[in-house]
C-alpha atoms as a PDB file:
ATOM      1  CA  UNK A   1       4.151 -78.145-168.130  1.00  0.00           C
ATOM      2  CA  UNK A   2       4.449 -76.153-164.970  1.00  0.00           C
ATOM      3  CA  UNK A   3       3.887 -78.292-161.914  1.00  0.00           C
ATOM      4  CA  UNK A   4       3.235 -76.532-158.627  1.00  0.00           C
ATOM      5  CA  UNK A   5       5.110 -78.062-155.716  1.00  0.00           C
ATOM      6  CA  UNK A   6       3.536 -77.464-152.310  1.00  0.00           C
ATOM      7  CA  UNK A   7       5.839 -75.459-150.116  1.00  0.00           C
ATOM      8  CA  UNK A   8       5.742 -78.015-147.348  1.00  0.00           C
ATOM      9  CA  UNK A   9       7.137 -80.677-149.720  1.00  0.00           C
ATOM     10  CA  UNK A  10       9.804 -78.496-151.178  1.00  0.00           C
ATOM     11  CA  UNK A  11      13.446 -79.345-151.133  1.00  0.00           C
ATOM     12  CA  UNK A  12      15.102 -76.001-151.512  1.00  0.00           C
ATOM     13  CA  UNK A  13      13.865 -72.925-153.286  1.00  0.00           C
ATOM     14  CA  UNK A  14      12.315 -74.492-156.346  1.00  0.00           C
ATOM     15  CA  UNK A  15       8.812 -74.371-154.883  1.00  0.00           C
ATOM     16  CA  UNK A  16       9.151 -70.719-154.178  1.00  0.00           C
ATOM     17  CA  UNK A  17      10.178 -70.096-157.792  1.00  0.00           C
ATOM     18  CA  UNK A  18       7.188 -72.073-159.123  1.00  0.00           C
ATOM     19  CA  UNK A  19       4.825 -70.345-156.718  1.00  0.00           C
ATOM     20  CA  UNK A  20       6.224 -66.916-157.765  1.00  0.00           C
ATOM     21  CA  UNK A  21       5.766 -67.828-161.388  1.00  0.00           C
ATOM     22  CA  UNK A  22       2.035 -68.495-160.719  1.00  0.00           C
ATOM     23  CA  UNK A  23       1.539 -64.966-159.326  1.00  0.00           C
ATOM     24  CA  UNK A  24       1.729 -62.338-162.008  1.00  0.00           C
ATOM     25  CA  UNK A  25       4.065 -59.388-161.417  1.00  0.00           C
ATOM     26  CA  UNK A  26       2.619 -55.899-161.106  1.00  0.00           C
ATOM     27  CA  UNK A  27       1.661 -54.440-164.486  1.00  0.00           C
ATOM     28  CA  UNK A  28       4.282 -51.872-165.578  1.00  0.00           C
ATOM     29  CA  UNK A  29       5.442 -50.714-168.960  1.00  0.00           C
ATOM     30  CA  UNK A  30       8.271 -53.343-168.795  1.00  0.00           C
ATOM     31  CA  UNK A  31       6.151 -56.293-167.704  1.00  0.00           C
ATOM     32  CA  UNK A  32       3.548 -55.315-170.336  1.00  0.00           C
ATOM     33  CA  UNK A  33       6.203 -55.304-173.057  1.00  0.00           C
ATOM     34  CA  UNK A  34       7.633 -58.597-171.777  1.00  0.00           C
ATOM     35  CA  UNK A  35       4.133 -60.190-171.671  1.00  0.00           C
ATOM     36  CA  UNK A  36       3.428 -59.062-175.232  1.00  0.00           C
ATOM     37  CA  UNK A  37       6.693 -60.596-176.430  1.00  0.00           C
ATOM     38  CA  UNK A  38       5.866 -63.931-174.692  1.00  0.00           C
ATOM     39  CA  UNK A  39       2.384 -63.995-176.174  1.00  0.00           C
ATOM     40  CA  UNK A  40       3.637 -63.075-179.658  1.00  0.00           C
ATOM     41  CA  UNK A  41       6.225 -65.861-179.486  1.00  0.00           C
ATOM     42  CA  UNK A  42       3.401 -68.283-178.734  1.00  0.00           C
ATOM     43  CA  UNK A  43       0.873 -67.002-181.251  1.00  0.00           C
ATOM     44  CA  UNK A  44       1.927 -66.247-184.805  1.00  0.00           C
ATOM     45  CA  UNK A  45      -1.317 -64.351-185.544  1.00  0.00           C
ATOM     46  CA  UNK A  46      -0.773 -62.021-182.675  1.00  0.00           C
ATOM     47  CA  UNK A  47       2.893 -61.576-183.626  1.00  0.00           C
ATOM     48  CA  UNK A  48       1.690 -60.420-187.131  1.00  0.00           C
ATOM     49  CA  UNK A  49      -0.835 -58.013-185.703  1.00  0.00           C
ATOM     50  CA  UNK A  50       1.740 -56.419-183.377  1.00  0.00           C
ATOM     51  CA  UNK A  51       4.332 -56.202-186.247  1.00  0.00           C
ATOM     52  CA  UNK A  52       1.775 -54.590-188.503  1.00  0.00           C
ATOM     53  CA  UNK A  53       0.102 -52.218-185.973  1.00  0.00           C
ATOM     54  CA  UNK A  54       2.753 -51.968-183.296  1.00  0.00           C
ATOM     55  CA  UNK A  55       2.184 -52.935-179.712  1.00  0.00           C
ATOM     56  CA  UNK A  56      -1.074 -51.713-178.108  1.00  0.00           C
ATOM     57  CA  UNK A  57      -0.779 -48.962-175.561  1.00  0.00           C
ATOM     58  CA  UNK A  58      -0.676 -49.666-171.824  1.00  0.00           C
ATOM     59  CA  UNK A  59      -3.769 -47.727-170.682  1.00  0.00           C
ATOM     60  CA  UNK A  60      -3.675 -46.102-167.388  1.00  0.00           C
ATOM     61  CA  UNK A  61      -6.986 -45.327-165.668  1.00  0.00           C
ATOM     62  CA  UNK A  62      -7.823 -43.752-162.346  1.00  0.00           C
ATOM     63  CA  UNK A  63      -8.609 -46.302-159.696  1.00  0.00           C
ATOM     64  CA  UNK A  64     -12.207 -45.356-159.004  1.00  0.00           C
ATOM     65  CA  UNK A  65     -15.883 -46.224-159.358  1.00  0.00           C
ATOM     66  CA  UNK A  66     -16.214 -44.725-162.806  1.00  0.00           C
ATOM     67  CA  UNK A  67     -13.255 -46.850-164.127  1.00  0.00           C
ATOM     68  CA  UNK A  68     -14.827 -50.072-162.810  1.00  0.00           C
ATOM     69  CA  UNK A  69     -18.180 -49.046-164.418  1.00  0.00           C
ATOM     70  CA  UNK A  70     -16.388 -48.433-167.774  1.00  0.00           C
ATOM     71  CA  UNK A  71     -14.723 -51.823-167.614  1.00  0.00           C
ATOM     72  CA  UNK A  72     -18.043 -53.530-166.985  1.00  0.00           C
ATOM     73  CA  UNK A  73     -19.574 -51.619-169.921  1.00  0.00           C
ATOM     74  CA  UNK A  74     -16.653 -52.647-172.188  1.00  0.00           C
ATOM     75  CA  UNK A  75     -17.220 -56.327-171.613  1.00  0.00           C
ATOM     76  CA  UNK A  76     -18.316 -58.065-174.804  1.00  0.00           C
ATOM     77  CA  UNK A  77     -18.980 -54.825-176.781  1.00  0.00           C
ATOM     78  CA  UNK A  78     -16.850 -52.399-178.800  1.00  0.00           C
ATOM     79  CA  UNK A  79     -15.003 -49.732-176.938  1.00  0.00           C
ATOM     80  CA  UNK A  80     -16.801 -47.064-178.897  1.00  0.00           C
ATOM     81  CA  UNK A  81     -20.208 -48.449-177.864  1.00  0.00           C
ATOM     82  CA  UNK A  82     -19.110 -48.705-174.235  1.00  0.00           C
ATOM     83  CA  UNK A  83     -17.769 -45.086-174.340  1.00  0.00           C
ATOM     84  CA  UNK A  84     -21.103 -43.823-175.727  1.00  0.00           C
ATOM     85  CA  UNK A  85     -23.081 -45.604-172.987  1.00  0.00           C
ATOM     86  CA  UNK A  86     -20.707 -44.239-170.293  1.00  0.00           C
ATOM     87  CA  UNK A  87     -20.991 -40.720-171.695  1.00  0.00           C
ATOM     88  CA  UNK A  88     -24.789 -40.885-171.441  1.00  0.00           C
ATOM     89  CA  UNK A  89     -24.495 -42.165-167.859  1.00  0.00           C
ATOM     90  CA  UNK A  90     -22.016 -39.410-166.933  1.00  0.00           C
ATOM     91  CA  UNK A  91     -24.517 -36.772-168.019  1.00  0.00           C
ATOM     92  CA  UNK A  92     -27.140 -38.346-165.717  1.00  0.00           C
ATOM     93  CA  UNK A  93     -24.931 -39.001-162.746  1.00  0.00           C
ATOM     94  CA  UNK A  94     -23.211 -35.768-161.554  1.00  0.00           C
ATOM     95  CA  UNK A  95     -20.874 -36.220-159.806  1.00  0.00           C
ATOM     96  CA  UNK A  96     -20.290 -39.806-160.895  1.00  0.00           C
ATOM     97  CA  UNK A  97     -20.434 -41.507-157.633  1.00  0.00           C
ATOM     98  CA  UNK A  98     -21.824 -44.819-156.319  1.00  0.00           C
ATOM     99  CA  UNK A  99     -24.386 -42.981-154.127  1.00  0.00           C
ATOM    100  CA  UNK A 100     -25.715 -40.953-157.115  1.00  0.00           C
ATOM    101  CA  UNK A 101     -25.584 -43.930-159.402  1.00  0.00           C
ATOM    102  CA  UNK A 102     -27.763 -45.986-157.015  1.00  0.00           C
ATOM    103  CA  UNK A 103     -30.527 -43.305-157.443  1.00  0.00           C
ATOM    104  CA  UNK A 104     -30.923 -44.095-161.109  1.00  0.00           C
ATOM    105  CA  UNK A 105     -34.004 -46.073-161.903  1.00  0.00           C
ATOM    106  CA  UNK A 106     -33.812 -49.158-164.156  1.00  0.00           C
ATOM    107  CA  UNK A 107     -35.584 -47.288-166.945  1.00  0.00           C
ATOM    108  CA  UNK A 108     -32.907 -44.600-166.890  1.00  0.00           C
ATOM    109  CA  UNK A 109     -30.172 -47.151-167.119  1.00  0.00           C
ATOM    110  CA  UNK A 110     -31.963 -48.882-170.035  1.00  0.00           C
ATOM    111  CA  UNK A 111     -32.392 -45.476-171.682  1.00  0.00           C
ATOM    112  CA  UNK A 112     -28.643 -44.936-171.422  1.00  0.00           C
ATOM    113  CA  UNK A 113     -28.047 -48.189-173.252  1.00  0.00           C
ATOM    114  CA  UNK A 114     -27.301 -50.636-170.502  1.00  0.00           C
ATOM    115  CA  UNK A 115     -28.582 -54.178-170.878  1.00  0.00           C
ATOM    116  CA  UNK A 116     -30.454 -55.721-167.978  1.00  0.00           C
ATOM    117  CA  UNK A 117     -27.330 -57.695-167.031  1.00  0.00           C
ATOM    118  CA  UNK A 118     -24.972 -54.664-167.139  1.00  0.00           C
ATOM    119  CA  UNK A 119     -27.540 -52.675-165.236  1.00  0.00           C
ATOM    120  CA  UNK A 120     -27.516 -55.344-162.542  1.00  0.00           C
ATOM    121  CA  UNK A 121     -23.714 -55.474-162.501  1.00  0.00           C
ATOM    122  CA  UNK A 122     -23.182 -51.775-162.262  1.00  0.00           C
ATOM    123  CA  UNK A 123     -25.839 -51.380-159.586  1.00  0.00           C
ATOM    124  CA  UNK A 124     -24.236 -54.281-157.609  1.00  0.00           C
ATOM    125  CA  UNK A 125     -20.908 -52.443-157.789  1.00  0.00           C
ATOM    126  CA  UNK A 126     -22.396 -49.171-156.686  1.00  0.00           C
ATOM    127  CA  UNK A 127     -24.182 -50.866-153.840  1.00  0.00           C
ATOM    128  CA  UNK A 128     -21.015 -52.563-152.663  1.00  0.00           C
ATOM    129  CA  UNK A 129     -19.039 -49.338-152.600  1.00  0.00           C
ATOM    130  CA  UNK A 130     -21.791 -47.137-151.209  1.00  0.00           C
ATOM    131  CA  UNK A 131     -22.438 -49.544-148.310  1.00  0.00           C
ATOM    132  CA  UNK A 132     -18.764 -50.039-147.536  1.00  0.00           C
ATOM    133  CA  UNK A 133     -18.686 -53.699-148.462  1.00  0.00           C
ATOM    134  CA  UNK A 134     -16.010 -52.744-151.047  1.00  0.00           C
ATOM    135  CA  UNK A 135     -13.588 -49.994-150.068  1.00  0.00           C
ATOM    136  CA  UNK A 136     -11.707 -48.895-153.143  1.00  0.00           C
ATOM    137  CA  UNK A 137      -9.154 -46.807-151.317  1.00  0.00           C
ATOM    138  CA  UNK A 138      -8.118 -49.782-149.134  1.00  0.00           C
ATOM    139  CA  UNK A 139      -7.277 -51.758-152.244  1.00  0.00           C
ATOM    140  CA  UNK A 140      -4.215 -49.644-152.947  1.00  0.00           C
ATOM    141  CA  UNK A 141      -2.476 -51.096-149.824  1.00  0.00           C
ATOM    142  CA  UNK A 142      -3.421 -54.673-150.332  1.00  0.00           C
ATOM    143  CA  UNK A 143      -1.432 -57.442-152.188  1.00  0.00           C
ATOM    144  CA  UNK A 144      -2.641 -58.127-155.657  1.00  0.00           C
ATOM    145  CA  UNK A 145      -4.126 -61.481-154.692  1.00  0.00           C
ATOM    146  CA  UNK A 146      -6.171 -59.831-151.947  1.00  0.00           C
ATOM    147  CA  UNK A 147      -7.332 -57.101-154.333  1.00  0.00           C
ATOM    148  CA  UNK A 148      -8.455 -59.760-156.813  1.00  0.00           C
ATOM    149  CA  UNK A 149     -10.364 -61.603-154.046  1.00  0.00           C
ATOM    150  CA  UNK A 150     -12.052 -58.478-152.844  1.00  0.00           C
ATOM    151  CA  UNK A 151     -13.110 -57.442-156.370  1.00  0.00           C
ATOM    152  CA  UNK A 152     -14.319 -60.902-157.295  1.00  0.00           C
ATOM    153  CA  UNK A 153     -16.897 -60.625-154.515  1.00  0.00           C
ATOM    154  CA  UNK A 154     -18.735 -58.128-156.763  1.00  0.00           C
ATOM    155  CA  UNK A 155     -21.221 -59.799-159.133  1.00  0.00           C
ATOM    156  CA  UNK A 156     -19.723 -58.336-162.322  1.00  0.00           C
ATOM    157  CA  UNK A 157     -16.075 -59.059-161.718  1.00  0.00           C
ATOM    158  CA  UNK A 158     -14.253 -62.227-162.322  1.00  0.00           C
ATOM    159  CA  UNK A 159     -10.653 -63.261-162.847  1.00  0.00           C
END
């Protein structure tokens, strides 16, 4: 059990180590590999899947509106299904920008394969970016915790 000790009550550096353990390190090829090893050590089924199929790839995606839309589309559906919906959207929204996305009517989103909920989520994201409430470029210079907090203000995004 990992007990977090408040910094004010610390006696030495142990609170700092516990606090640091609660904040995940940046995702790199090395931390991804380490994380997989930790998870596989805790879950025999996952260890067997990794041993049989090899570790999954660490996907890199451009930090942009389109990537966030794809992530929303991928929630609770197959990647192939999400890709097909995104490809239909990409044909309708050229260039694929929040401003152009906001112009799509609900019927067009439904026709592309978005559910009512995913339509609301993607529209909320487009609105936040287009109005400046969420500034994607500023996220690059923020600490991870601040980025998470900023993104979690968007209806579709949670921890």
